Amino acid sequence: MYMDLNDSVALVTGGSRGIGSSCVSHLCQSGATVYFTFNNSEEAAQKLAAETGAIAVHCSENHFPYKWTVVVIQFFKCCFFAL
């Protein structure tokens, strides 16, 4: 099933492996700008980002809450300034 998500922005938490990775791929194929977070799987995250054009953001307990703040700010900038 194809959804037209052009001009949409998505945030996928835990997007480097498994179901999250699949969500990132499908959202990108549907035209969305996708940000996704990862914790331990940097190699998988970078590979997925290269394949899909999504933006990978490393978030771990050591980065909380700073990195999450950056992710959310970037997410909302894309949502509201793209209008």
Protein backbone atom coordinates (compact mmCIF):
# COMPACT_ATOMS: atom_id res chain seq x y z
CA MET A 1 0.00 0.00 0.00
CA TYR A 2 1.40 3.38 -1.01
CA MET A 3 0.64 6.56 0.88
CA ASP A 4 1.68 9.96 -0.42
CA LEU A 5 3.58 11.51 2.46
CA ASN A 6 5.36 14.24 0.51
CA ASP A 7 5.82 17.34 2.68
CA SER A 8 5.40 15.20 5.81
CA VAL A 9 7.91 14.71 8.59
CA ALA A 10 8.12 11.55 10.70
CA LEU A 11 10.01 10.68 13.87
CA VAL A 12 10.67 6.99 14.52
CA THR A 13 12.14 6.05 17.88
CA GLY A 14 14.28 2.93 17.81
CA GLY A 15 14.50 3.01 14.04
CA SER A 16 17.76 1.24 13.29
CA ARG A 17 16.57 -2.38 13.52
CA GLY A 18 13.51 -4.59 13.25
CA ILE A 19 10.09 -3.01 13.01
CA GLY A 20 11.51 0.49 13.44
CA SER A 21 13.84 0.01 10.47
CA SER A 22 10.94 -1.19 8.36
CA CYS A 23 8.89 1.86 9.38
CA VAL A 24 11.76 4.18 8.41
CA SER A 25 12.07 2.52 4.99
CA HIS A 26 8.34 2.64 4.25
CA LEU A 27 7.98 6.24 5.38
CA CYS A 28 10.91 7.32 3.21
CA GLN A 29 9.54 5.42 0.21
CA SER A 30 6.25 7.24 0.72
CA GLY A 31 8.00 10.62 0.49
CA ALA A 32 8.31 11.66 4.14
CA THR A 33 11.34 13.32 5.66
CA VAL A 34 12.28 10.85 8.39
CA TYR A 35 14.27 11.28 11.58
CA PHE A 36 15.00 8.15 13.56
CA THR A 37 16.79 7.44 16.79
CA PHE A 38 19.14 4.64 17.69
CA ASN A 39 21.07 3.62 20.77
CA ASN A 40 23.57 0.78 20.23
CA SER A 41 23.29 -0.06 16.54
CA GLU A 42 25.32 2.73 14.96
CA GLU A 43 26.49 0.65 12.00
CA ALA A 44 22.93 -0.44 11.18
CA ALA A 45 21.66 3.12 11.65
CA GLN A 46 24.25 4.62 9.32
CA LYS A 47 23.55 1.96 6.71
CA LEU A 48 19.80 2.61 6.89
CA ALA A 49 20.35 6.37 6.68
CA ALA A 50 22.54 5.94 3.58
CA GLU A 51 20.01 3.64 1.91
CA THR A 52 16.91 5.72 2.65
CA GLY A 53 18.02 9.32 3.08
CA ALA A 54 16.61 9.36 6.62
CA ILE A 55 18.41 11.24 9.37
CA ALA A 56 19.86 9.05 12.15
CA VAL A 57 20.21 10.54 15.64
CA HIS A 58 22.12 8.71 18.36
CA CYS A 59 20.20 8.83 21.64
CA SER A 60 21.17 6.97 24.76
CA GLU A 61 20.67 7.31 28.47
CA ASN A 62 23.91 9.33 28.56
CA HIS A 63 22.44 11.89 26.17
CA PHE A 64 19.05 12.20 27.82
CA PRO A 65 17.44 14.73 27.84
CA TYR A 66 19.77 16.87 25.70
CA LYS A 67 19.72 14.79 22.50
CA TRP A 68 15.97 14.27 22.71
CA THR A 69 15.54 18.02 22.95
CA VAL A 70 17.58 18.48 19.78
CA VAL A 71 15.60 15.79 17.96
CA VAL A 72 12.26 17.27 18.96
CA ILE A 73 13.32 20.83 18.04
CA GLN A 74 14.55 19.70 14.61
CA PHE A 75 11.37 17.70 14.12
CA PHE A 76 9.13 20.68 14.86
CA LYS A 77 11.25 23.04 12.78
CA CYS A 78 10.72 20.76 9.81
CA CYS A 79 7.01 20.49 10.51
CA PHE A 80 6.24 24.15 11.03
CA PHE A 81 8.77 25.95 8.88
CA ALA A 82 8.06 23.74 5.87
CA LEU A 83 4.46 25.00 5.70
